[in-house]
Amino acid sequence: MLLECGMQEEGLFRVAPSASKLKKLKASLDCGVLDVQEYSADPHAIAGALKSYLRELPEPLMTTELYDEWIQASNVQDMDKRLQALLAVCEKLPTDNLNNFRYVPQFCQF
């Protein structure tokens, strides 16, 4: 939904949704019953739910276990070698983490 209706929204991840709307959306997602029409007009609520999901993960998305490897890879001076090192660490992520991680950069606009 964010990719379809929220990418042109200014401050997508900075503007907080109303607490009640976010709570209702999270409850709907937890139950597996989501009224798409109700939330398609409010990408900030959807972005808020995504941020909340990432914050509430039992383990960081990039994993604590790989922390030192992420730091080492990010400190590689040569840009091509750094990219290769970061990709190598990505390949070590658990499948679920990697699947989630693939979506996050889509929301970063440079």
Protein backbone atom coordinates (compact mmCIF):
# COMPACT_ATOMS: atom_id res chain seq x y z
CA MET A 1 0.00 0.00 0.00
CA LEU A 2 2.85 2.39 0.76
CA LEU A 3 4.45 1.82 -2.60
CA GLU A 4 1.11 2.40 -4.35
CA CYS A 5 -0.22 5.37 -2.44
CA GLY A 6 2.43 6.80 -0.18
CA MET A 7 5.62 7.41 -2.09
CA GLN A 8 4.68 10.96 -3.07
CA GLU A 9 3.63 11.83 0.47
CA GLU A 10 5.92 14.35 2.14
CA GLY A 11 7.33 13.22 5.48
CA LEU A 12 6.00 9.70 5.05
CA PHE A 13 7.91 8.28 8.02
CA ARG A 14 8.23 11.55 9.96
CA VAL A 15 4.58 12.52 10.31
CA ALA A 16 2.93 10.45 13.02
CA PRO A 17 -0.55 9.06 12.46
CA SER A 18 -3.22 9.47 15.10
CA ALA A 19 -2.66 7.03 17.95
CA SER A 20 -6.17 5.61 17.72
CA LYS A 21 -5.91 5.02 13.97
CA LEU A 22 -2.53 3.32 14.36
CA LYS A 23 -3.84 1.12 17.16
CA LYS A 24 -6.87 0.12 15.07
CA LEU A 25 -4.67 -0.63 12.04
CA LYS A 26 -2.29 -2.77 14.08
CA ALA A 27 -5.22 -4.69 15.58
CA SER A 28 -6.62 -5.27 12.09
CA LEU A 29 -3.26 -6.53 10.84
CA ASP A 30 -2.90 -8.83 13.86
CA CYS A 31 -6.33 -10.34 13.13
CA GLY A 32 -5.64 -10.64 9.42
CA VAL A 33 -8.68 -8.52 8.59
CA LEU A 34 -7.81 -5.25 6.89
CA ASP A 35 -10.13 -2.76 5.24
CA VAL A 36 -7.80 -1.48 2.52
CA GLN A 37 -10.11 1.39 1.61
CA GLU A 38 -10.05 2.74 5.14
CA TYR A 39 -6.27 3.12 5.20
CA SER A 40 -5.41 3.79 1.57
CA ALA A 41 -6.09 7.50 2.10
CA ASP A 42 -3.73 7.65 5.09
CA PRO A 43 -0.23 6.46 4.15
CA HIS A 44 1.09 7.90 7.43
CA ALA A 45 -0.91 5.28 9.35
CA ILE A 46 0.55 2.52 7.19
CA ALA A 47 4.08 3.92 7.58
CA GLY A 48 3.49 4.16 11.34
CA ALA A 49 2.45 0.51 11.45
CA LEU A 50 5.59 -0.48 9.52
CA LYS A 51 7.80 1.51 11.90
CA SER A 52 6.04 -0.05 14.87
CA TYR A 53 6.47 -3.54 13.40
CA LEU A 54 10.20 -3.00 12.92
CA ARG A 55 10.60 -1.57 16.44
CA GLU A 56 8.72 -4.46 18.03
CA LEU A 57 10.64 -7.27 16.33
CA PRO A 58 12.06 -9.65 18.95
CA GLU A 59 15.48 -9.23 17.33
CA PRO A 60 16.82 -6.35 15.22
CA LEU A 61 16.15 -6.77 11.50
CA MET A 62 19.88 -6.84 10.75
CA THR A 63 20.45 -9.21 13.72
CA THR A 64 22.61 -8.74 16.77
CA GLU A 65 24.70 -11.73 15.73
CA LEU A 66 25.86 -9.96 12.55
CA TYR A 67 26.44 -6.55 14.14
CA ASP A 68 30.24 -6.70 14.07
CA GLU A 69 30.23 -7.86 10.45
CA TRP A 70 27.95 -4.95 9.45
CA ILE A 71 30.33 -2.51 11.12
CA GLN A 72 33.39 -4.08 9.49
CA ALA A 73 31.74 -4.05 6.06
CA SER A 74 30.65 -0.44 6.40
CA ASN A 75 34.20 0.61 7.29
CA VAL A 76 35.73 -0.75 4.08
CA GLN A 77 37.18 2.27 2.27
CA ASP A 78 36.91 1.13 -1.35
CA MET A 79 33.28 1.61 -2.47
CA ASP A 80 33.13 -1.52 -4.65
CA LYS A 81 34.70 -3.69 -1.95
CA ARG A 82 32.36 -2.17 0.66
CA LEU A 83 29.34 -3.05 -1.47
CA GLN A 84 30.60 -6.61 -1.89
CA ALA A 85 31.23 -6.90 1.88
CA LEU A 86 27.74 -5.59 2.67
CA LEU A 87 26.17 -8.00 0.19
CA ALA A 88 28.11 -10.87 1.76
CA VAL A 89 26.69 -9.98 5.18
CA CYS A 90 23.18 -9.71 3.68
CA GLU A 91 23.50 -13.28 2.47
CA LYS A 92 24.00 -14.37 6.09
CA LEU A 93 20.68 -12.90 7.23
CA PRO A 94 17.93 -15.34 8.12
CA THR A 95 15.44 -15.70 5.26
CA ASP A 96 12.61 -13.83 7.01
CA ASN A 97 14.92 -10.95 7.93
CA LEU A 98 16.26 -10.74 4.39
CA ASN A 99 12.75 -10.75 2.92
CA ASN A 100 11.74 -7.89 5.22
CA PHE A 101 14.97 -6.01 4.64
CA ARG A 102 14.48 -6.01 0.87
CA TYR A 103 11.48 -3.72 1.25
CA VAL A 104 12.98 -1.06 3.52
CA PRO A 105 15.27 0.65 0.96
CA GLN A 106 12.32 1.12 -1.41
CA PHE A 107 11.03 3.83 0.93
CA CYS A 108 14.30 5.79 1.03
CA GLN A 109 14.30 8.62 -1.47
CA PHE A 110 17.59 10.34 -2.07
